[in-house]
Protein backbone atom coordinates (compact mmCIF):
# COMPACT_ATOMS: atom_id res chain seq x y z
CA MET A 1 -38.91 -17.72 -35.18
CA LYS A 2 -36.38 -15.10 -36.28
CA LYS A 3 -37.52 -11.63 -37.20
CA ARG A 4 -35.86 -11.65 -40.63
CA TYR A 5 -37.72 -14.81 -41.63
CA LEU A 6 -40.99 -13.22 -40.56
CA LEU A 7 -40.18 -10.11 -42.64
CA ILE A 8 -39.39 -12.24 -45.70
CA ALA A 9 -42.64 -14.21 -45.28
CA LEU A 10 -44.58 -10.95 -44.87
CA LEU A 11 -43.11 -9.45 -48.05
CA LEU A 12 -43.77 -12.59 -50.12
CA LEU A 13 -47.35 -12.95 -48.88
CA SER A 14 -48.00 -9.23 -49.39
CA PHE A 15 -46.81 -9.44 -53.01
CA PHE A 16 -49.00 -12.51 -53.61
CA SER A 17 -52.00 -10.81 -51.97
CA LEU A 18 -51.78 -7.84 -54.33
CA PHE A 19 -52.31 -10.05 -57.38
CA VAL A 20 -55.02 -12.41 -56.08
CA GLY A 21 -58.62 -11.55 -56.90
CA VAL A 22 -61.49 -11.78 -59.35
CA SER A 23 -59.94 -9.12 -61.60
CA SER A 24 -56.80 -10.51 -63.18
CA ILE A 25 -53.87 -8.15 -62.63
CA LYS A 26 -50.29 -8.88 -63.63
CA PRO A 27 -47.21 -6.85 -62.65
CA MET A 28 -46.69 -5.84 -66.30
CA ASP A 29 -50.20 -4.31 -66.38
CA LEU A 30 -49.11 -1.69 -63.87
CA LEU A 31 -46.68 -0.13 -66.35
CA ASP A 32 -49.66 1.59 -67.94
CA PHE A 33 -50.65 4.13 -65.28
CA LYS A 34 -53.99 4.88 -66.95
CA SER A 35 -55.14 1.27 -67.37
CA GLU A 36 -58.15 -0.22 -65.57
CA GLU A 37 -55.88 -2.76 -63.88
CA THR A 38 -53.74 0.01 -62.36
CA GLU A 39 -56.85 1.79 -61.12
CA ILE A 40 -58.17 -1.38 -59.44
CA PHE A 41 -54.71 -2.01 -57.98
CA LEU A 42 -54.48 1.44 -56.38
CA ILE A 43 -58.11 1.80 -55.29
CA SER A 44 -58.74 -1.75 -54.05
CA ARG A 45 -55.73 -4.07 -53.78
CA VAL A 46 -53.24 -1.74 -52.04
CA PRO A 47 -55.78 -0.41 -49.47
CA ARG A 48 -56.89 -3.98 -48.75
CA LEU A 49 -53.30 -5.08 -48.11
CA VAL A 50 -52.61 -2.09 -45.84
CA ALA A 51 -55.85 -2.75 -43.93
CA ILE A 52 -54.91 -6.42 -43.43
CA LEU A 53 -51.44 -5.52 -42.13
CA LEU A 54 -52.71 -2.85 -39.73
CA ALA A 55 -55.63 -4.93 -38.46
CA GLY A 56 -53.49 -8.04 -37.99
CA ALA A 57 -50.73 -6.22 -36.13
CA GLY A 58 -53.16 -4.08 -34.11
CA MET A 59 -55.41 -6.88 -32.85
CA SER A 60 -52.40 -9.07 -32.00
CA ILE A 61 -50.83 -6.27 -29.95
CA ALA A 62 -54.17 -5.61 -28.24
CA GLY A 63 -54.29 -9.25 -27.17
CA LEU A 64 -50.67 -9.10 -25.98
CA ILE A 65 -51.42 -6.06 -23.77
CA MET A 66 -54.52 -7.70 -22.26
CA GLN A 67 -52.68 -10.94 -21.51
CA GLN A 68 -49.84 -9.03 -19.88
CA LEU A 69 -52.08 -6.86 -17.68
CA SER A 70 -54.48 -9.66 -16.70
CA ARG A 71 -51.66 -12.18 -16.17
CA ASN A 72 -53.64 -14.73 -18.12
CA LYS A 73 -52.62 -16.24 -21.47
CA PHE A 74 -56.21 -16.85 -22.57
CA VAL A 75 -57.50 -13.29 -22.19
CA SER A 76 -57.97 -11.21 -25.35
CA PRO A 77 -60.55 -8.84 -26.88
CA THR A 78 -62.45 -11.99 -27.95
CA THR A 79 -62.54 -13.60 -24.49
CA ALA A 80 -62.92 -10.43 -22.41
CA GLY A 81 -66.08 -9.00 -23.97
CA THR A 82 -64.26 -6.11 -25.67
CA LEU A 83 -65.51 -7.01 -29.16
CA ASP A 84 -69.10 -7.45 -27.94
CA ALA A 85 -69.00 -4.20 -25.95
CA THR A 86 -67.84 -2.40 -29.09
CA ARG A 87 -70.76 -3.80 -31.09
CA LEU A 88 -73.15 -2.62 -28.37
CA GLY A 89 -71.60 0.85 -28.62
CA ILE A 90 -72.09 0.86 -32.40
CA LEU A 91 -75.76 -0.08 -31.91
CA VAL A 92 -76.26 2.72 -29.38
CA SER A 93 -74.70 5.24 -31.77
CA MET A 94 -76.99 4.03 -34.57
CA LEU A 95 -80.10 4.35 -32.39
CA LEU A 96 -79.33 7.63 -30.64
CA PHE A 97 -77.49 9.40 -33.44
CA THR A 98 -79.25 8.40 -36.65
CA ASN A 99 -77.00 10.40 -38.94
CA ALA A 100 -73.83 9.87 -36.94
CA SER A 101 -70.53 10.18 -38.79
CA THR A 102 -67.81 7.55 -38.56
CA ILE A 103 -65.91 9.62 -35.98
CA GLU A 104 -69.03 9.98 -33.81
CA LYS A 105 -69.66 6.24 -34.04
CA MET A 106 -66.04 5.64 -33.11
CA ILE A 107 -66.27 7.84 -30.01
CA VAL A 108 -69.39 6.04 -28.73
CA ALA A 109 -68.05 2.58 -29.64
CA PHE A 110 -64.69 3.40 -28.00
CA ALA A 111 -66.45 4.48 -24.80
CA PHE A 112 -68.39 1.20 -24.67
CA ALA A 113 -65.32 -0.88 -25.54
CA LEU A 114 -63.31 0.78 -22.77
CA ALA A 115 -66.17 0.46 -20.26
CA GLY A 116 -66.69 -3.21 -21.15
CA THR A 117 -62.99 -3.99 -20.79
CA LEU A 118 -62.74 -2.13 -17.48
CA LEU A 119 -65.80 -4.00 -16.19
CA PHE A 120 -64.20 -7.32 -17.15
CA MET A 121 -61.01 -6.34 -15.29
CA GLN A 122 -63.12 -5.49 -12.23
CA ILE A 123 -64.81 -8.90 -12.46
CA LEU A 124 -61.36 -10.44 -12.76
CA ASP A 125 -60.21 -8.73 -9.54
CA ARG A 126 -63.20 -10.13 -7.63
CA ILE A 127 -62.76 -13.74 -8.76
CA LYS A 128 -60.96 -15.82 -6.17
CA PHE A 129 -60.58 -18.97 -8.26
CA LYS A 130 -58.23 -17.57 -10.91
CA ASP A 131 -57.61 -20.66 -12.99
CA ALA A 132 -56.08 -19.88 -16.40
CA ILE A 133 -58.96 -21.55 -18.26
CA PHE A 134 -61.75 -20.41 -15.92
CA ILE A 135 -61.05 -16.68 -16.46
CA PRO A 136 -61.60 -16.62 -20.25
CA LEU A 137 -64.78 -18.68 -19.79
CA VAL A 138 -66.09 -15.92 -17.52
CA GLY A 139 -65.10 -13.40 -20.20
CA LEU A 140 -66.92 -15.37 -22.90
CA MET A 141 -70.07 -15.49 -20.76
CA PHE A 142 -69.77 -11.75 -20.12
CA GLY A 143 -69.38 -11.18 -23.86
CA ASN A 144 -72.40 -13.35 -24.63
CA ILE A 145 -74.51 -11.26 -22.25
CA LEU A 146 -73.47 -8.08 -24.08
CA SER A 147 -74.06 -9.76 -27.43
CA SER A 148 -77.56 -10.87 -26.36
CA ILE A 149 -78.41 -7.33 -25.25
CA THR A 150 -77.19 -6.00 -28.61
CA THR A 151 -79.20 -8.57 -30.57
CA PHE A 152 -82.36 -7.92 -28.52
CA PHE A 153 -82.35 -4.16 -29.08
CA ALA A 154 -81.30 -4.59 -32.72
CA TYR A 155 -84.34 -6.82 -33.33
CA LYS A 156 -86.59 -4.45 -31.39
CA SER A 157 -85.38 -1.45 -33.40
CA ASN A 158 -85.43 -3.36 -36.70
CA VAL A 159 -81.71 -2.79 -37.39
CA ILE A 160 -80.52 -6.39 -37.09
CA GLN A 161 -79.45 -6.45 -40.74
CA ASN A 162 -77.36 -3.34 -40.25
CA MET A 163 -75.73 -4.88 -37.16
CA SER A 164 -74.83 -8.05 -39.07
CA ALA A 165 -72.29 -5.98 -41.02
CA TRP A 166 -70.31 -5.46 -37.79
CA LEU A 167 -70.57 -9.17 -36.89
CA GLN A 168 -68.82 -10.56 -39.96
CA GLY A 169 -65.31 -9.31 -40.60
CA ASP A 170 -64.77 -8.77 -44.32
CA PHE A 171 -61.98 -7.13 -46.34
CA SER A 172 -63.79 -7.38 -49.69
CA MET A 173 -65.38 -3.94 -49.25
CA ILE A 174 -62.13 -2.21 -48.29
CA MET A 175 -61.33 0.54 -50.77
CA LYS A 176 -59.46 3.82 -50.86
CA GLY A 177 -61.19 6.23 -48.49
CA ARG A 178 -62.79 3.49 -46.37
CA TYR A 179 -59.87 2.10 -44.36
CA GLU A 180 -57.83 5.10 -43.20
CA LEU A 181 -59.26 4.85 -39.67
CA LEU A 182 -56.97 1.86 -39.17
CA TYR A 183 -53.93 4.15 -39.24
CA ILE A 184 -54.69 4.76 -35.56
CA SER A 185 -53.03 1.37 -35.00
CA ILE A 186 -49.62 2.90 -35.86
CA PRO A 187 -49.40 5.37 -32.91
CA VAL A 188 -50.90 2.66 -30.69
CA LEU A 189 -48.02 0.34 -31.63
CA ILE A 190 -45.49 3.10 -30.92
CA ILE A 191 -47.03 3.95 -27.53
CA THR A 192 -47.15 0.23 -26.65
CA TYR A 193 -43.44 -0.07 -27.44
CA LEU A 194 -42.62 2.98 -25.30
CA TYR A 195 -44.67 1.62 -22.38
CA ALA A 196 -43.63 -2.01 -22.88
CA ASN A 197 -41.44 -2.23 -19.79
CA ARG A 198 -44.12 -0.60 -17.63
CA PHE A 199 -46.74 -3.07 -18.92
CA THR A 200 -44.34 -5.92 -18.12
CA VAL A 201 -43.92 -4.69 -14.53
CA ALA A 202 -47.68 -4.08 -14.17
CA GLY A 203 -48.24 -7.67 -15.25
CA MET A 204 -46.40 -8.83 -12.13
CA GLY A 205 -49.19 -7.57 -9.88
CA GLU A 206 -50.32 -4.39 -8.17
CA ASP A 207 -48.33 -4.80 -4.94
CA PHE A 208 -45.09 -5.62 -6.77
CA SER A 209 -45.59 -2.67 -9.15
CA ARG A 210 -46.25 -0.19 -6.34
CA ASN A 211 -43.13 -1.37 -4.49
CA LEU A 212 -41.12 -0.47 -7.60
CA GLY A 213 -42.73 3.00 -7.70
CA LEU A 214 -44.96 2.30 -10.70
CA ALA A 215 -48.34 4.05 -10.96
CA TYR A 216 -50.16 0.74 -11.42
CA LYS A 217 -53.71 2.00 -12.05
CA ARG A 218 -52.57 4.62 -14.55
CA ILE A 219 -50.50 2.10 -16.55
CA VAL A 220 -53.37 -0.39 -16.61
CA ASN A 221 -55.78 2.31 -17.79
CA ILE A 222 -53.37 3.37 -20.55
CA GLY A 223 -53.11 -0.23 -21.70
CA LEU A 224 -56.87 -0.72 -21.75
CA ILE A 225 -57.37 2.56 -23.66
CA LEU A 226 -54.95 1.31 -26.33
CA VAL A 227 -56.82 -2.01 -26.53
CA ALA A 228 -60.19 -0.24 -26.84
CA LEU A 229 -58.85 2.10 -29.55
CA VAL A 230 -57.52 -0.71 -31.74
CA THR A 231 -60.62 -2.88 -31.26
CA THR A 232 -62.96 -0.02 -32.13
CA THR A 233 -61.13 1.00 -35.31
CA VAL A 234 -60.88 -2.60 -36.56
CA ILE A 235 -64.58 -3.37 -35.97
CA LEU A 236 -65.73 -0.09 -37.53
CA THR A 237 -63.56 -0.65 -40.60
CA VAL A 238 -63.48 -4.42 -41.10
CA GLY A 239 -65.84 -6.04 -38.61
CA MET A 240 -65.17 -8.62 -35.90
CA ILE A 241 -62.02 -10.74 -36.21
CA PRO A 242 -62.13 -13.39 -33.45
CA PHE A 243 -59.24 -15.19 -31.73
CA LEU A 244 -56.46 -13.18 -33.43
CA GLY A 245 -55.42 -11.38 -30.25
CA LEU A 246 -55.58 -14.68 -28.38
CA ILE A 247 -53.50 -17.11 -30.43
CA ILE A 248 -50.73 -14.92 -31.87
CA PRO A 249 -49.25 -13.71 -28.52
CA ASN A 250 -49.38 -17.30 -27.23
CA ILE A 251 -47.50 -18.66 -30.25
CA VAL A 252 -44.85 -15.94 -29.93
CA SER A 253 -44.44 -16.52 -26.17
CA ILE A 254 -43.70 -20.22 -26.80
CA PHE A 255 -40.58 -19.20 -28.76
CA HIS A 256 -39.59 -15.89 -27.16
CA GLY A 257 -40.96 -15.84 -23.62
CA ASP A 258 -43.11 -13.16 -21.98
CA HIS A 259 -40.99 -10.00 -22.09
CA LEU A 260 -43.34 -7.59 -23.86
CA LYS A 261 -40.73 -5.30 -25.40
CA LYS A 262 -38.85 -8.28 -26.84
CA THR A 263 -41.94 -10.04 -28.23
CA LEU A 264 -43.76 -6.93 -29.51
CA PRO A 265 -42.21 -6.85 -33.05
CA HIS A 266 -42.64 -10.62 -33.49
CA THR A 267 -46.27 -10.41 -32.36
CA ALA A 268 -47.08 -7.58 -34.78
CA LEU A 269 -45.37 -9.35 -37.70
CA LEU A 270 -46.89 -12.76 -37.02
CA GLY A 271 -50.36 -11.23 -36.56
CA ALA A 272 -50.12 -9.55 -39.97
CA ILE A 273 -48.78 -12.76 -41.57
CA PHE A 274 -51.52 -14.91 -40.05
CA LEU A 275 -54.28 -12.55 -41.21
CA LEU A 276 -52.71 -12.39 -44.68
CA ILE A 277 -52.69 -16.20 -44.94
CA CYS A 278 -56.33 -16.41 -43.84
CA ASP A 279 -57.34 -13.69 -46.30
CA ILE A 280 -55.54 -15.33 -49.23
CA LEU A 281 -57.09 -18.71 -48.39
CA GLY A 282 -60.52 -17.08 -48.19
CA ARG A 283 -60.04 -15.66 -51.69
CA VAL A 284 -58.79 -18.85 -53.40
CA LEU A 285 -60.73 -21.71 -51.73
CA ILE A 286 -64.03 -21.01 -53.51
CA TYR A 287 -62.73 -18.70 -56.25
CA PRO A 288 -64.21 -16.46 -57.69
CA TYR A 289 -66.28 -16.13 -54.50
CA GLU A 290 -64.79 -15.17 -51.16
CA ILE A 291 -64.99 -16.51 -47.60
CA SER A 292 -65.20 -13.76 -44.97
CA ILE A 293 -62.09 -13.18 -42.89
CA SER A 294 -64.01 -13.65 -39.62
CA LEU A 295 -65.01 -17.17 -40.70
CA MET A 296 -61.49 -18.11 -41.82
CA VAL A 297 -59.84 -16.75 -38.66
CA GLY A 298 -62.63 -18.22 -36.50
CA VAL A 299 -62.20 -21.75 -37.88
CA ILE A 300 -58.39 -21.76 -37.90
CA GLY A 301 -58.10 -19.72 -34.70
CA SER A 302 -60.51 -21.91 -32.71
CA GLY A 303 -58.50 -24.98 -33.73
CA ILE A 304 -55.26 -23.36 -32.54
CA PHE A 305 -57.03 -22.22 -29.35
CA LEU A 306 -58.04 -25.81 -28.57
CA TYR A 307 -54.47 -26.93 -29.21
CA LEU A 308 -53.16 -24.31 -26.79
CA LEU A 309 -55.64 -25.49 -24.14
CA PHE A 310 -54.59 -29.12 -24.52
CA ARG A 311 -50.94 -28.12 -24.65
CA ARG A 312 -51.25 -26.25 -21.37
CA LYS A 313 -52.94 -29.25 -19.78
CA ALA A 314 -50.20 -31.57 -21.02
CA TYR A 315 -47.41 -29.33 -19.69
CA ALA A 316 -49.17 -28.19 -16.52
């Protein structure tokens, strides 16, 4: 899995993605800058592509950080309750701040995402039986509890239909002016790269890290803040995208090992490629209608997740 091949695949898929959709657009149509096709291309197709790339890379890196810090290959925002905690935060912002802006919703959702992730890490520290498969099952149960609380209060407050928008990830509504929040993923990727070696050391355990002079708690908190930031921006902009942060880092580690700084570019590229493939399939399978990205990633991602579980059992 060489980086140049991933870049070539990303460029080809990106070009194809720009010209797939209900409105027929050809490259020659873009020569007329005032045409309807050019307007659709700039307002809808380009923002959608940028959103896919940022969300795919961001969620994959978030999963990579969580797996490194928890020392478990099956921990991710999906299996640690981070996604569900973010949805609960969005609900709280809707109920307490009726006319809340996107930034205000983001602050509340970020606080809940961070708190939920920190709580999961505390649960992880208290579990004695730290089997690789048992830990994500605990995270899924923790996430289901948060999801049930969210659903209960959403029904009680008669906002369940509004909450459903955050449950299903969907790029069809992405347009110019409605995706820019995802640009937060770019500084997150840069900070992750700068702290990559520290995250790698922190992943070796608290005692080992302290012996090397690393401020273990501070590094873990920085990592979890980055995870919460990416998760919050993706859910607020696109909706929930399950399993992405789980399967992509595992696939990359099979080929390139577990050194975070070495695998970081491959993880970001493969995450964007995988999300692009799922999005293109969702647009062409039942054309001219569209399958939501959360459904496509959920079906394909759950299949890969099962394969990874069986693979680990076979090579245990």
